[in-house]
Amino acid sequence: MLVAVDTSPGTADALLGLKYSCWFCGQGIERGGPPSLSIALADIWKNDSNSEPTQVIYSHFTCAAEQMKGASRSLEADILFADDGDP
């Protein structure tokens, strides 16, 4: 059924959890490859704390860390990947 749906390349695979592409660089994210993230985005002003995220994006950790540098904060690999080691 999903084959008949006209979507951008890889959308059906992502919906099925078969393949993911990095939001930032566009390259594939491989299981067992470099550390990667799923990032849930939601409206912080919604009063319903039980609501689902409105969007989830996927990224290599290194791509997200580079693109999401803040003025006073950065992503922390030692916290996110405590059991896996730093990327």
Protein backbone atom coordinates (compact mmCIF):
# COMPACT_ATOMS: atom_id res chain seq x y z
CA MET A 1 0.00 0.00 0.00
CA LEU A 2 2.78 2.48 0.85
CA VAL A 3 4.42 1.89 -2.51
CA ALA A 4 1.45 3.57 -4.20
CA VAL A 5 1.72 6.73 -2.09
CA ASP A 6 3.56 9.56 -3.85
CA THR A 7 6.05 10.84 -1.25
CA SER A 8 9.58 12.11 -1.19
CA PRO A 9 12.26 9.40 -1.43
CA GLY A 10 12.73 7.48 1.79
CA THR A 11 9.54 8.66 3.52
CA ALA A 12 7.91 5.22 3.50
CA ASP A 13 11.12 3.61 4.82
CA ALA A 14 11.34 6.19 7.61
CA LEU A 15 7.68 5.67 8.55
CA LEU A 16 8.32 1.94 8.74
CA GLY A 17 11.52 2.43 10.75
CA LEU A 18 13.66 0.88 8.01
CA LYS A 19 15.82 3.85 7.03
CA TYR A 20 16.50 7.28 8.43
CA SER A 21 18.19 10.31 6.90
CA CYS A 22 19.99 13.02 8.81
CA TRP A 23 17.93 16.21 8.99
CA PHE A 24 21.09 18.31 8.61
CA CYS A 25 23.36 16.56 6.09
CA GLY A 26 20.78 14.40 4.29
CA GLN A 27 22.96 11.27 4.45
CA GLY A 28 21.60 7.94 5.65
CA ILE A 29 21.73 6.94 9.29
CA GLU A 30 22.88 3.35 9.66
CA ARG A 31 22.17 1.05 12.59
CA GLY A 32 25.46 0.42 14.35
CA GLY A 33 27.03 3.45 12.65
CA PRO A 34 28.03 6.72 14.27
CA PRO A 35 25.90 7.79 17.25
CA SER A 36 22.61 9.28 16.12
CA LEU A 37 19.63 11.05 17.64
CA SER A 38 15.90 11.23 17.38
CA ILE A 39 14.82 14.75 18.32
CA ALA A 40 11.20 15.37 19.36
CA LEU A 41 9.82 18.83 18.66
CA ALA A 42 6.68 20.12 20.35
CA ASP A 43 4.98 23.40 21.17
CA ILE A 44 6.31 24.26 24.65
CA TRP A 45 3.31 26.45 25.39
CA LYS A 46 0.74 23.66 25.16
CA ASN A 47 -0.75 23.01 28.56
CA ASP A 48 -1.27 19.30 27.86
CA SER A 49 1.88 17.54 29.10
CA ASN A 50 0.53 14.21 27.78
CA SER A 51 0.35 15.37 24.16
CA GLU A 52 2.57 13.65 21.62
CA PRO A 53 5.40 15.57 19.91
CA THR A 54 4.30 17.32 16.75
CA GLN A 55 7.41 16.31 14.82
CA VAL A 56 10.39 13.98 15.21
CA ILE A 57 13.60 14.51 13.28
CA TYR A 58 16.64 12.24 13.02
CA SER A 59 20.27 13.27 12.95
CA HIS A 60 23.83 12.09 13.29
CA PHE A 61 25.06 13.33 16.66
CA THR A 62 27.97 15.21 15.09
CA CYS A 63 25.67 17.00 12.61
CA ALA A 64 23.23 18.00 15.35
CA ALA A 65 26.03 19.15 17.65
CA GLU A 66 27.48 21.36 14.91
CA GLN A 67 24.15 22.81 13.79
CA MET A 68 22.64 23.25 17.27
CA LYS A 69 25.47 25.14 18.93
CA GLY A 70 24.02 27.76 21.19
CA ALA A 71 25.37 30.89 22.79
CA SER A 72 25.80 29.15 26.14
CA ARG A 73 24.82 25.50 25.58
CA SER A 74 25.84 22.55 23.46
CA LEU A 75 24.81 18.92 23.08
CA GLU A 76 26.60 16.67 25.56
CA ALA A 77 27.75 13.34 24.15
CA ASP A 78 28.92 12.09 27.56
CA ILE A 79 25.34 12.33 28.84
CA LEU A 80 23.52 11.12 25.72
CA PHE A 81 25.85 8.21 25.02
CA ALA A 82 27.09 7.36 28.54
CA ASP A 83 27.13 3.62 27.82
CA ASP A 84 28.43 3.85 24.24
CA GLY A 85 31.32 6.27 24.68
CA ASP A 86 31.68 9.61 22.96
CA PRO A 87 31.03 9.89 19.23
